[in-house]
Amino acid sequence: MARNDRNAKGKAGKSLAADTSGGARLVIFVVLLFIVTGAGLSLLFNVGGIRDTVVALLFPSKIDGQLRSNEDSELQQQLKAIEDERNRLKDLESHLNTLKGQLEEKQQRLEQWELELEQKEKEMEELQQKLSAQFETIKDIAKVYESMDAEQAAAILSEMEDTALVIQILKNMPVERSAEVLGEMDSKKAAELTRQMAGQ
């Protein structure tokens, strides 16, 4: 009976050990399944760059090619950006040259106008000097006619064709003296001179 108990205990221990061993294997299998599934999903979705790291470790030349390709692509983009900027700067330089040409043209026109203005001012000064000289001459002539007899002055002035000069001479005489000279002239001539003097 004691032997039977030992046999029963031995069988029960073996059975328990077999059950425990099978359960442990199942747990290990499930854990391994989770690890493999997690690793597979991490590789599939490239979680944390795991896939890139694994590919880099397993296929270094492929990664180098991709990196070179990416670098070449970036370099091409940078070169295109530089070329675009160079073209923009050329356009800007061309526009600035156009504006510079227009500015130089306007400056030349302005200098030409300044020269013309200086010339006009010089001509005006000369004309003013000439008019001043003529005015002085007319004053002197008026003094000569003022010193003449009124009848004689009237006769000479009536014969002059330049009525503007006659009027200037009469205006430069004292009022009483010019009235005397006009009184000695033909009435029509005196009236015409008086009208023109009033009109000026």
N, C-alpha and C. Protein backbone atom coordinates (compact mmCIF):
# COMPACT_ATOMS: atom_id res chain seq x y z
N MET A 1 0.81 -1.16 0.00
CA MET A 1 0.00 0.00 0.00
C MET A 1 0.85 1.22 0.00
N ALA A 2 1.87 1.20 0.75
CA ALA A 2 2.81 2.31 0.77
C ALA A 2 3.43 2.46 -0.60
N ARG A 3 3.63 1.35 -1.23
CA ARG A 3 4.20 1.39 -2.59
C ARG A 3 3.21 2.02 -3.53
N ASN A 4 1.99 1.69 -3.41
CA ASN A 4 0.95 2.27 -4.27
C ASN A 4 0.87 3.78 -4.05
N ASP A 5 0.99 4.15 -2.78
CA ASP A 5 0.94 5.59 -2.51
C ASP A 5 2.11 6.30 -3.15
N ARG A 6 3.26 5.66 -3.09
CA ARG A 6 4.44 6.28 -3.72
C ARG A 6 4.28 6.36 -5.22
N ASN A 7 3.76 5.28 -5.77
CA ASN A 7 3.54 5.28 -7.23
C ASN A 7 2.53 6.35 -7.61
N ALA A 8 1.48 6.45 -6.78
CA ALA A 8 0.44 7.44 -7.09
C ALA A 8 1.02 8.83 -6.95
N LYS A 9 1.83 9.02 -5.92
CA LYS A 9 2.45 10.33 -5.72
C LYS A 9 3.43 10.61 -6.85
N GLY A 10 4.18 9.63 -7.27
CA GLY A 10 5.16 9.80 -8.37
C GLY A 10 4.46 10.15 -9.64
N LYS A 11 3.33 9.45 -9.90
CA LYS A 11 2.59 9.75 -11.13
C LYS A 11 1.98 11.13 -11.05
N ALA A 12 1.47 11.46 -9.88
CA ALA A 12 0.85 12.78 -9.74
C ALA A 12 1.91 13.85 -9.89
N GLY A 13 3.12 13.63 -9.37
CA GLY A 13 4.21 14.62 -9.49
C GLY A 13 4.64 14.77 -10.92
N LYS A 14 4.71 13.62 -11.62
CA LYS A 14 5.11 13.68 -13.04
C LYS A 14 4.04 14.39 -13.84
N SER A 15 2.79 14.10 -13.50
CA SER A 15 1.69 14.72 -14.22
C SER A 15 1.70 16.23 -13.97
N LEU A 16 1.94 16.60 -12.73
CA LEU A 16 1.99 18.01 -12.37
C LEU A 16 3.16 18.68 -13.06
N ALA A 17 4.30 17.98 -13.08
CA ALA A 17 5.48 18.54 -13.74
C ALA A 17 5.23 18.68 -15.22
N ALA A 18 4.53 17.68 -15.81
CA ALA A 18 4.23 17.74 -17.23
C ALA A 18 3.28 18.89 -17.50
N ASP A 19 2.28 19.06 -16.61
CA ASP A 19 1.33 20.16 -16.80
C ASP A 19 2.04 21.50 -16.64
N THR A 20 2.89 21.65 -15.69
CA THR A 20 3.63 22.90 -15.44
C THR A 20 4.56 23.18 -16.60
N SER A 21 5.21 22.18 -17.11
CA SER A 21 6.11 22.34 -18.24
C SER A 21 5.34 22.77 -19.48
N GLY A 22 4.17 22.18 -19.71
CA GLY A 22 3.34 22.55 -20.87
C GLY A 22 2.83 23.98 -20.73
N GLY A 23 2.44 24.37 -19.51
CA GLY A 23 1.96 25.75 -19.27
C GLY A 23 3.06 26.76 -19.48
N ALA A 24 4.28 26.40 -19.03
CA ALA A 24 5.42 27.31 -19.19
C ALA A 24 5.74 27.50 -20.66
N ARG A 25 5.67 26.37 -21.39
CA ARG A 25 5.92 26.47 -22.84
C ARG A 25 4.89 27.36 -23.51
N LEU A 26 3.64 27.23 -23.08
CA LEU A 26 2.57 28.05 -23.66
C LEU A 26 2.79 29.53 -23.37
N VAL A 27 3.19 29.83 -22.13
CA VAL A 27 3.47 31.23 -21.75
C VAL A 27 4.63 31.77 -22.58
N ILE A 28 5.70 30.95 -22.71
CA ILE A 28 6.87 31.38 -23.50
C ILE A 28 6.46 31.59 -24.95
N PHE A 29 5.63 30.70 -25.48
CA PHE A 29 5.17 30.82 -26.87
C PHE A 29 4.36 32.11 -27.06
N VAL A 30 3.47 32.38 -26.11
CA VAL A 30 2.63 33.60 -26.20
C VAL A 30 3.51 34.85 -26.11
N VAL A 31 4.47 34.84 -25.18
CA VAL A 31 5.38 35.99 -25.03
C VAL A 31 6.18 36.19 -26.31
N LEU A 32 6.72 35.06 -26.86
CA LEU A 32 7.48 35.16 -28.11
C LEU A 32 6.59 35.67 -29.25
N LEU A 33 5.34 35.20 -29.26
CA LEU A 33 4.39 35.64 -30.29
C LEU A 33 4.15 37.15 -30.19
N PHE A 34 4.00 37.65 -28.95
CA PHE A 34 3.83 39.09 -28.74
C PHE A 34 5.06 39.87 -29.20
N ILE A 35 6.23 39.34 -28.87
CA ILE A 35 7.49 40.02 -29.24
C ILE A 35 7.63 40.08 -30.75
N VAL A 36 7.38 38.94 -31.42
CA VAL A 36 7.52 38.89 -32.88
C VAL A 36 6.47 39.79 -33.53
N THR A 37 5.23 39.75 -33.01
CA THR A 37 4.17 40.61 -33.57
C THR A 37 4.52 42.08 -33.37
N GLY A 38 5.00 42.41 -32.16
CA GLY A 38 5.39 43.81 -31.87
C GLY A 38 6.53 44.25 -32.78
N ALA A 39 7.53 43.37 -32.95
CA ALA A 39 8.66 43.70 -33.83
C ALA A 39 8.19 43.88 -35.27
N GLY A 40 7.29 42.97 -35.70
CA GLY A 40 6.77 43.06 -37.07
C GLY A 40 5.99 44.35 -37.31
N LEU A 41 5.14 44.69 -36.33
CA LEU A 41 4.38 45.95 -36.47
C LEU A 41 5.30 47.17 -36.43
N SER A 42 6.32 47.11 -35.55
CA SER A 42 7.28 48.22 -35.48
C SER A 42 8.00 48.40 -36.81
N LEU A 43 8.38 47.26 -37.44
CA LEU A 43 9.05 47.35 -38.74
C LEU A 43 8.08 47.84 -39.81
N LEU A 44 6.85 47.33 -39.76
CA LEU A 44 5.86 47.68 -40.77
C LEU A 44 5.55 49.18 -40.74
N PHE A 45 5.33 49.72 -39.54
CA PHE A 45 4.97 51.13 -39.42
C PHE A 45 6.15 52.03 -39.11
N ASN A 46 7.34 51.51 -39.11
CA ASN A 46 8.59 52.26 -38.91
C ASN A 46 8.54 53.08 -37.63
N VAL A 47 8.10 52.44 -36.54
CA VAL A 47 7.97 53.10 -35.26
C VAL A 47 9.37 53.46 -34.75
N GLY A 48 9.57 54.78 -34.46
CA GLY A 48 10.85 55.23 -33.93
C GLY A 48 12.00 55.03 -34.89
N GLY A 49 11.74 54.86 -36.18
CA GLY A 49 12.78 54.68 -37.18
C GLY A 49 13.44 53.33 -37.12
N ILE A 50 12.75 52.36 -36.53
CA ILE A 50 13.32 51.01 -36.38
C ILE A 50 13.57 50.40 -37.75
N ARG A 51 12.60 50.51 -38.65
CA ARG A 51 12.77 49.90 -39.98
C ARG A 51 13.99 50.48 -40.68
N ASP A 52 14.14 51.83 -40.60
CA ASP A 52 15.30 52.45 -41.26
C ASP A 52 16.61 51.92 -40.66
N THR A 53 16.62 51.74 -39.33
CA THR A 53 17.82 51.24 -38.66
C THR A 53 18.13 49.81 -39.09
N VAL A 54 17.07 48.98 -39.14
CA VAL A 54 17.26 47.58 -39.53
C VAL A 54 17.72 47.50 -40.97
N VAL A 55 17.09 48.27 -41.83
CA VAL A 55 17.49 48.26 -43.25
C VAL A 55 18.92 48.75 -43.40
N ALA A 56 19.28 49.77 -42.60
CA ALA A 56 20.65 50.30 -42.67
C ALA A 56 21.65 49.25 -42.22
N LEU A 57 21.27 48.46 -41.20
CA LEU A 57 22.18 47.43 -40.72
C LEU A 57 22.28 46.27 -41.72
N LEU A 58 21.13 45.89 -42.30
CA LEU A 58 21.13 44.75 -43.21
C LEU A 58 21.59 45.11 -44.63
N PHE A 59 21.22 46.31 -45.10
CA PHE A 59 21.55 46.72 -46.48
C PHE A 59 22.18 48.11 -46.48
N PRO A 60 23.42 48.24 -46.03
CA PRO A 60 24.04 49.58 -45.93
C PRO A 60 24.16 50.29 -47.28
N SER A 61 24.41 49.56 -48.37
CA SER A 61 24.58 50.21 -49.67
C SER A 61 23.28 50.83 -50.16
N LYS A 62 22.13 50.21 -49.84
CA LYS A 62 20.83 50.74 -50.26
C LYS A 62 20.56 52.08 -49.57
N ILE A 63 20.89 52.16 -48.27
CA ILE A 63 20.69 53.39 -47.51
C ILE A 63 21.60 54.49 -48.04
N ASP A 64 22.87 54.12 -48.33
CA ASP A 64 23.80 55.10 -48.89
C ASP A 64 23.25 55.67 -50.19
N GLY A 65 22.69 54.78 -51.01
CA GLY A 65 22.12 55.24 -52.29
C GLY A 65 20.95 56.17 -52.07
N GLN A 66 20.09 55.83 -51.09
CA GLN A 66 18.95 56.68 -50.80
C GLN A 66 19.42 58.02 -50.27
N LEU A 67 20.42 57.97 -49.37
CA LEU A 67 20.96 59.23 -48.82
C LEU A 67 21.56 60.09 -49.92
N ARG A 68 22.33 59.43 -50.80
CA ARG A 68 22.91 60.17 -51.92
C ARG A 68 21.83 60.76 -52.80
N SER A 69 20.80 59.94 -53.04
CA SER A 69 19.69 60.40 -53.86
C SER A 69 19.00 61.60 -53.21
N ASN A 70 18.78 61.49 -51.89
CA ASN A 70 18.17 62.62 -51.18
C ASN A 70 19.07 63.84 -51.21
N GLU A 71 20.38 63.62 -51.00
CA GLU A 71 21.33 64.74 -51.05
C GLU A 71 21.36 65.37 -52.43
N ASP A 72 21.36 64.50 -53.47
CA ASP A 72 21.35 65.02 -54.84
C ASP A 72 20.09 65.82 -55.11
N SER A 73 18.96 65.31 -54.61
CA SER A 73 17.69 66.02 -54.80
C SER A 73 17.73 67.37 -54.10
N GLU A 74 18.23 67.39 -52.85
CA GLU A 74 18.35 68.66 -52.13
C GLU A 74 19.30 69.60 -52.84
N LEU A 75 20.42 69.06 -53.33
CA LEU A 75 21.39 69.87 -54.04
C LEU A 75 20.78 70.47 -55.31
N GLN A 76 19.99 69.65 -56.02
CA GLN A 76 19.33 70.13 -57.24
C GLN A 76 18.35 71.27 -56.90
N GLN A 77 17.62 71.10 -55.80
CA GLN A 77 16.68 72.13 -55.39
C GLN A 77 17.42 73.42 -55.03
N GLN A 78 18.54 73.26 -54.32
CA GLN A 78 19.33 74.44 -53.95
C GLN A 78 19.90 75.13 -55.18
N LEU A 79 20.40 74.32 -56.13
CA LEU A 79 20.94 74.90 -57.37
C LEU A 79 19.85 75.63 -58.14
N LYS A 80 18.65 75.04 -58.18
CA LYS A 80 17.53 75.70 -58.88
C LYS A 80 17.17 77.01 -58.18
N ALA A 81 17.16 76.98 -56.84
CA ALA A 81 16.86 78.19 -56.08
C ALA A 81 17.90 79.27 -56.35
N ILE A 82 19.18 78.85 -56.41
CA ILE A 82 20.26 79.80 -56.71
C ILE A 82 20.10 80.37 -58.11
N GLU A 83 19.77 79.51 -59.07
CA GLU A 83 19.59 79.96 -60.46
C GLU A 83 18.41 80.92 -60.57
N ASP A 84 17.32 80.60 -59.86
CA ASP A 84 16.15 81.49 -59.85
C ASP A 84 16.52 82.84 -59.26
N GLU A 85 17.29 82.82 -58.18
CA GLU A 85 17.70 84.08 -57.55
C GLU A 85 18.63 84.87 -58.47
N ARG A 86 19.52 84.15 -59.16
CA ARG A 86 20.42 84.80 -60.11
C ARG A 86 19.62 85.48 -61.23
N ASN A 87 18.61 84.77 -61.75
CA ASN A 87 17.76 85.35 -62.80
C ASN A 87 16.99 86.56 -62.29
N ARG A 88 16.51 86.46 -61.03
CA ARG A 88 15.78 87.59 -60.46
C ARG A 88 16.71 88.80 -60.31
N LEU A 89 17.94 88.55 -59.88
CA LEU A 89 18.91 89.63 -59.73
C LEU A 89 19.28 90.25 -61.08
N LYS A 90 19.36 89.39 -62.13
CA LYS A 90 19.65 89.91 -63.47
C LYS A 90 18.51 90.82 -63.94
N ASP A 91 17.26 90.37 -63.70
CA ASP A 91 16.11 91.19 -64.06
C ASP A 91 16.12 92.51 -63.31
N LEU A 92 16.45 92.43 -62.03
CA LEU A 92 16.51 93.64 -61.21
C LEU A 92 17.61 94.57 -61.70
N GLU A 93 18.76 93.99 -62.06
CA GLU A 93 19.87 94.80 -62.59
C GLU A 93 19.47 95.46 -63.90
N SER A 94 18.78 94.72 -64.75
CA SER A 94 18.32 95.27 -66.02
C SER A 94 17.35 96.43 -65.78
N HIS A 95 16.44 96.24 -64.83
CA HIS A 95 15.47 97.30 -64.51
C HIS A 95 16.19 98.53 -63.96
N LEU A 96 17.19 98.28 -63.08
CA LEU A 96 17.96 99.40 -62.52
C LEU A 96 18.73 100.14 -63.61
N ASN A 97 19.29 99.39 -64.58
CA ASN A 97 20.00 100.03 -65.69
C ASN A 97 19.06 100.88 -66.52
N THR A 98 17.83 100.38 -66.73
CA THR A 98 16.83 101.16 -67.47
C THR A 98 16.52 102.45 -66.73
N LEU A 99 16.30 102.33 -65.42
CA LEU A 99 16.00 103.51 -64.61
C LEU A 99 17.19 104.49 -64.61
N LYS A 100 18.39 103.93 -64.56
CA LYS A 100 19.60 104.77 -64.57
C LYS A 100 19.68 105.53 -65.89
N GLY A 101 19.38 104.84 -67.00
CA GLY A 101 19.38 105.49 -68.31
C GLY A 101 18.36 106.61 -68.38
N GLN A 102 17.16 106.34 -67.85
CA GLN A 102 16.12 107.37 -67.84
C GLN A 102 16.54 108.56 -66.98
N LEU A 103 17.16 108.26 -65.84
CA LEU A 103 17.61 109.33 -64.96
C LEU A 103 18.70 110.17 -65.64
N GLU A 104 19.63 109.51 -66.32
CA GLU A 104 20.69 110.25 -67.02
C GLU A 104 20.10 111.12 -68.13
N GLU A 105 19.11 110.56 -68.83
CA GLU A 105 18.45 111.32 -69.90
C GLU A 105 17.76 112.56 -69.33
N LYS A 106 17.05 112.38 -68.20
CA LYS A 106 16.37 113.51 -67.58
C LYS A 106 17.37 114.54 -67.06
N GLN A 107 18.50 114.03 -66.54
CA GLN A 107 19.53 114.94 -66.05
C GLN A 107 20.12 115.76 -67.20
N GLN A 108 20.33 115.11 -68.36
CA GLN A 108 20.83 115.84 -69.52
C GLN A 108 19.84 116.91 -69.97
N ARG A 109 18.52 116.51 -69.97
CA ARG A 109 17.50 117.50 -70.34
C ARG A 109 17.48 118.67 -69.37
N LEU A 110 17.62 118.36 -68.08
CA LEU A 110 17.64 119.40 -67.06
C LEU A 110 18.84 120.33 -67.27
N GLU A 111 20.00 119.73 -67.55
CA GLU A 111 21.20 120.55 -67.81
C GLU A 111 20.99 121.42 -69.05
N GLN A 112 20.33 120.86 -70.08
CA GLN A 112 20.05 121.63 -71.29
C GLN A 112 19.12 122.80 -70.98
N TRP A 113 18.09 122.52 -70.16
CA TRP A 113 17.16 123.59 -69.78
C TRP A 113 17.87 124.66 -68.97
N GLU A 114 18.80 124.23 -68.09
CA GLU A 114 19.55 125.21 -67.30
C GLU A 114 20.39 126.11 -68.22
N LEU A 115 21.02 125.48 -69.24
CA LEU A 115 21.80 126.27 -70.20
C LEU A 115 20.90 127.25 -70.95
N GLU A 116 19.73 126.75 -71.39
CA GLU A 116 18.79 127.63 -72.11
C GLU A 116 18.31 128.75 -71.20
N LEU A 117 18.04 128.43 -69.93
CA LEU A 117 17.59 129.44 -68.98
C LEU A 117 18.68 130.50 -68.76
N GLU A 118 19.92 130.03 -68.62
CA GLU A 118 21.03 130.98 -68.47
C GLU A 118 21.13 131.88 -69.70
N GLN A 119 20.94 131.27 -70.88
CA GLN A 119 21.00 132.05 -72.12
C GLN A 119 19.88 133.09 -72.15
N LYS A 120 18.66 132.67 -71.75
CA LYS A 120 17.51 133.60 -71.73
C LYS A 120 17.77 134.72 -70.72
N GLU A 121 18.32 134.36 -69.55
CA GLU A 121 18.62 135.38 -68.54
C GLU A 121 19.64 136.38 -69.08
N LYS A 122 20.62 135.85 -69.77
CA LYS A 122 21.65 136.72 -70.36
C LYS A 122 21.03 137.65 -71.41
N GLU A 123 20.15 137.06 -72.26
CA GLU A 123 19.47 137.87 -73.27
C GLU A 123 18.60 138.94 -72.61
N MET A 124 17.92 138.56 -71.51
CA MET A 124 17.07 139.53 -70.80
C MET A 124 17.91 140.65 -70.21
N GLU A 125 19.05 140.30 -69.65
CA GLU A 125 19.94 141.32 -69.10
C GLU A 125 20.40 142.28 -70.20
N GLU A 126 20.78 141.69 -71.35
CA GLU A 126 21.22 142.53 -72.47
C GLU A 126 20.08 143.42 -72.94
N LEU A 127 18.87 142.85 -73.03
CA LEU A 127 17.70 143.63 -73.46
C LEU A 127 17.39 144.73 -72.46
N GLN A 128 17.51 144.39 -71.16
CA GLN A 128 17.26 145.39 -70.13
C GLN A 128 18.28 146.52 -70.21
N GLN A 129 19.54 146.15 -70.46
CA GLN A 129 20.57 147.18 -70.60
C GLN A 129 20.28 148.05 -71.82
N LYS A 130 19.85 147.37 -72.91
CA LYS A 130 19.53 148.11 -74.13
C LYS A 130 18.35 149.04 -73.91
N LEU A 131 17.32 148.54 -73.20
CA LEU A 131 16.14 149.37 -72.91
C LEU A 131 16.52 150.54 -72.00
N SER A 132 17.38 150.25 -71.02
CA SER A 132 17.83 151.32 -70.12
C SER A 132 18.58 152.39 -70.91
N ALA A 133 19.41 151.91 -71.83
CA ALA A 133 20.17 152.87 -72.66
C ALA A 133 19.21 153.66 -73.54
N GLN A 134 18.21 152.98 -74.13
CA GLN A 134 17.23 153.69 -74.96
C GLN A 134 16.42 154.69 -74.14
N PHE A 135 16.08 154.26 -72.91
CA PHE A 135 15.32 155.16 -72.04
C PHE A 135 16.12 156.42 -71.74
N GLU A 136 17.41 156.21 -71.46
CA GLU A 136 18.28 157.37 -71.19
C GLU A 136 18.37 158.26 -72.44
N THR A 137 18.46 157.61 -73.61
CA THR A 137 18.54 158.37 -74.87
C THR A 137 17.26 159.16 -75.09
N ILE A 138 16.11 158.52 -74.85
CA ILE A 138 14.83 159.21 -75.02
C ILE A 138 14.72 160.38 -74.05
N LYS A 139 15.22 160.19 -72.83
CA LYS A 139 15.21 161.29 -71.85
C LYS A 139 16.02 162.48 -72.37
N ASP A 140 17.18 162.13 -72.93
CA ASP A 140 18.05 163.19 -73.47
C ASP A 140 17.37 163.89 -74.64
N ILE A 141 16.74 163.09 -75.55
CA ILE A 141 16.03 163.68 -76.71
C ILE A 141 14.88 164.55 -76.23
N ALA A 142 14.16 164.06 -75.19
CA ALA A 142 13.04 164.85 -74.65
C ALA A 142 13.53 166.19 -74.13
N LYS A 143 14.73 166.21 -73.51
CA LYS A 143 15.29 167.48 -73.01
C LYS A 143 15.57 168.43 -74.17
N VAL A 144 16.04 167.83 -75.29
CA VAL A 144 16.33 168.66 -76.47
C VAL A 144 15.04 169.31 -76.98
N TYR A 145 13.97 168.51 -77.14
CA TYR A 145 12.68 169.04 -77.63
C TYR A 145 12.06 170.00 -76.62
N GLU A 146 12.33 169.71 -75.33
CA GLU A 146 11.80 170.60 -74.29
C GLU A 146 12.42 171.99 -74.38
N SER A 147 13.68 172.05 -74.79
CA SER A 147 14.36 173.34 -74.90
C SER A 147 14.00 174.11 -76.17
N MET A 148 13.37 173.43 -77.14
CA MET A 148 12.97 174.08 -78.40
C MET A 148 11.70 174.91 -78.19
N ASP A 149 11.44 175.71 -79.18
CA ASP A 149 10.18 176.44 -79.24
C ASP A 149 9.08 175.40 -79.46
N ALA A 150 7.90 175.55 -78.85
CA ALA A 150 6.81 174.58 -78.92
C ALA A 150 6.36 174.37 -80.35
N GLU A 151 6.28 175.44 -81.15
CA GLU A 151 5.83 175.32 -82.55
C GLU A 151 6.83 174.51 -83.37
N GLN A 152 8.10 174.78 -83.16
CA GLN A 152 9.16 174.08 -83.89
C GLN A 152 9.19 172.60 -83.49
N ALA A 153 9.08 172.29 -82.16
CA ALA A 153 9.08 170.91 -81.68
C ALA A 153 7.87 170.17 -82.24
N ALA A 154 6.71 170.83 -82.29
CA ALA A 154 5.49 170.21 -82.82
C ALA A 154 5.64 169.87 -84.29
N ALA A 155 6.28 170.76 -85.04
CA ALA A 155 6.47 170.54 -86.48
C ALA A 155 7.37 169.32 -86.71
N ILE A 156 8.44 169.20 -85.94
CA ILE A 156 9.37 168.08 -86.13
C ILE A 156 8.72 166.76 -85.70
N LEU A 157 8.08 166.78 -84.54
CA LEU A 157 7.45 165.56 -84.04
C LEU A 157 6.30 165.10 -84.93
N SER A 158 5.61 166.02 -85.57
CA SER A 158 4.51 165.66 -86.48
C SER A 158 5.02 164.93 -87.70
N GLU A 159 6.24 165.23 -88.10
CA GLU A 159 6.83 164.60 -89.28
C GLU A 159 7.39 163.19 -89.00
N MET A 160 7.59 162.86 -87.74
CA MET A 160 8.17 161.55 -87.38
C MET A 160 7.14 160.44 -87.60
N GLU A 161 7.58 159.35 -88.24
CA GLU A 161 6.68 158.23 -88.52
C GLU A 161 6.55 157.28 -87.31
N ASP A 162 7.56 157.23 -86.47
CA ASP A 162 7.56 156.34 -85.30
C ASP A 162 6.77 156.99 -84.17
N THR A 163 5.46 156.73 -84.15
CA THR A 163 4.60 157.37 -83.15
C THR A 163 4.94 156.91 -81.73
N ALA A 164 5.44 155.68 -81.59
CA ALA A 164 5.82 155.19 -80.26
C ALA A 164 6.96 156.04 -79.70
N LEU A 165 7.90 156.42 -80.53
CA LEU A 165 9.02 157.26 -80.10
C LEU A 165 8.51 158.66 -79.74
N VAL A 166 7.60 159.19 -80.57
CA VAL A 166 7.02 160.51 -80.30
C VAL A 166 6.33 160.51 -78.93
N ILE A 167 5.56 159.45 -78.68
CA ILE A 167 4.84 159.35 -77.41
C ILE A 167 5.84 159.30 -76.25
N GLN A 168 6.94 158.53 -76.40
CA GLN A 168 7.95 158.44 -75.34
C GLN A 168 8.60 159.81 -75.08
N ILE A 169 8.85 160.53 -76.16
CA ILE A 169 9.46 161.86 -76.00
C ILE A 169 8.50 162.77 -75.24
N LEU A 170 7.22 162.77 -75.65
CA LEU A 170 6.23 163.63 -74.99
C LEU A 170 6.04 163.25 -73.52
N LYS A 171 6.08 161.95 -73.22
CA LYS A 171 5.90 161.49 -71.84
C LYS A 171 7.08 161.89 -70.94
N ASN A 172 8.26 162.05 -71.53
CA ASN A 172 9.43 162.42 -70.75
C ASN A 172 9.62 163.92 -70.62
N MET A 173 8.70 164.69 -71.17
CA MET A 173 8.70 166.15 -70.99
C MET A 173 7.80 166.49 -69.81
N PRO A 174 8.03 167.62 -69.20
CA PRO A 174 7.07 168.05 -68.18
C PRO A 174 5.68 168.19 -68.82
N VAL A 175 4.63 167.98 -68.04
CA VAL A 175 3.26 167.95 -68.55
C VAL A 175 2.90 169.27 -69.26
N GLU A 176 3.27 170.38 -68.69
CA GLU A 176 2.94 171.70 -69.29
C GLU A 176 3.60 171.85 -70.65
N ARG A 177 4.85 171.38 -70.74
CA ARG A 177 5.60 171.55 -72.00
C ARG A 177 5.03 170.62 -73.08
N SER A 178 4.70 169.37 -72.74
CA SER A 178 4.13 168.46 -73.74
C SER A 178 2.76 168.95 -74.18
N ALA A 179 2.01 169.61 -73.28
CA ALA A 179 0.70 170.17 -73.64
C ALA A 179 0.87 171.29 -74.66
N GLU A 180 1.91 172.10 -74.48
CA GLU A 180 2.17 173.19 -75.42
C GLU A 180 2.51 172.64 -76.81
N VAL A 181 3.35 171.59 -76.83
CA VAL A 181 3.76 170.98 -78.11
C VAL A 181 2.55 170.36 -78.80
N LEU A 182 1.72 169.64 -78.06
CA LEU A 182 0.51 169.03 -78.64
C LEU A 182 -0.44 170.12 -79.15
N GLY A 183 -0.48 171.26 -78.46
CA GLY A 183 -1.35 172.36 -78.88
C GLY A 183 -0.92 172.97 -80.21
N GLU A 184 0.34 172.84 -80.55
CA GLU A 184 0.86 173.39 -81.79
C GLU A 184 0.73 172.41 -82.95
N MET A 185 0.36 171.16 -82.67
CA MET A 185 0.24 170.14 -83.72
C MET A 185 -1.12 170.22 -84.39
N ASP A 186 -1.20 169.54 -85.53
CA ASP A 186 -2.49 169.38 -86.23
C ASP A 186 -3.42 168.66 -85.25
N SER A 187 -4.67 169.07 -85.20
CA SER A 187 -5.60 168.55 -84.20
C SER A 187 -5.80 167.04 -84.33
N LYS A 188 -5.87 166.54 -85.56
CA LYS A 188 -6.03 165.08 -85.75
C LYS A 188 -4.82 164.33 -85.23
N LYS A 189 -3.63 164.82 -85.55
CA LYS A 189 -2.39 164.19 -85.11
C LYS A 189 -2.30 164.22 -83.59
N ALA A 190 -2.63 165.38 -83.00
CA ALA A 190 -2.58 165.54 -81.55
C ALA A 190 -3.59 164.60 -80.88
N ALA A 191 -4.77 164.47 -81.48
CA ALA A 191 -5.79 163.59 -80.91
C ALA A 191 -5.34 162.13 -80.96
N GLU A 192 -4.76 161.71 -82.07
CA GLU A 192 -4.28 160.33 -82.20
C GLU A 192 -3.17 160.04 -81.20
N LEU A 193 -2.22 160.99 -81.06
CA LEU A 193 -1.13 160.80 -80.08
C LEU A 193 -1.68 160.73 -78.66
N THR A 194 -2.65 161.59 -78.35
CA THR A 194 -3.25 161.59 -77.00
C THR A 194 -3.96 160.26 -76.73
N ARG A 195 -4.69 159.75 -77.73
CA ARG A 195 -5.39 158.47 -77.57
C ARG A 195 -4.39 157.33 -77.30
N GLN A 196 -3.31 157.33 -78.10
CA GLN A 196 -2.29 156.27 -77.90
C GLN A 196 -1.58 156.42 -76.55
N MET A 197 -1.36 157.66 -76.11
CA MET A 197 -0.71 157.86 -74.82
C MET A 197 -1.62 157.36 -73.69
N ALA A 198 -2.90 157.57 -73.83
CA ALA A 198 -3.85 157.12 -72.81
C ALA A 198 -3.96 155.58 -72.84
N GLY A 199 -3.80 154.98 -73.99
CA GLY A 199 -3.90 153.53 -74.12
C GLY A 199 -2.71 152.80 -73.56
N GLN A 200 -1.58 153.46 -73.42
CA GLN A 200 -0.38 152.79 -72.91
C GLN A 200 -0.32 152.83 -71.39
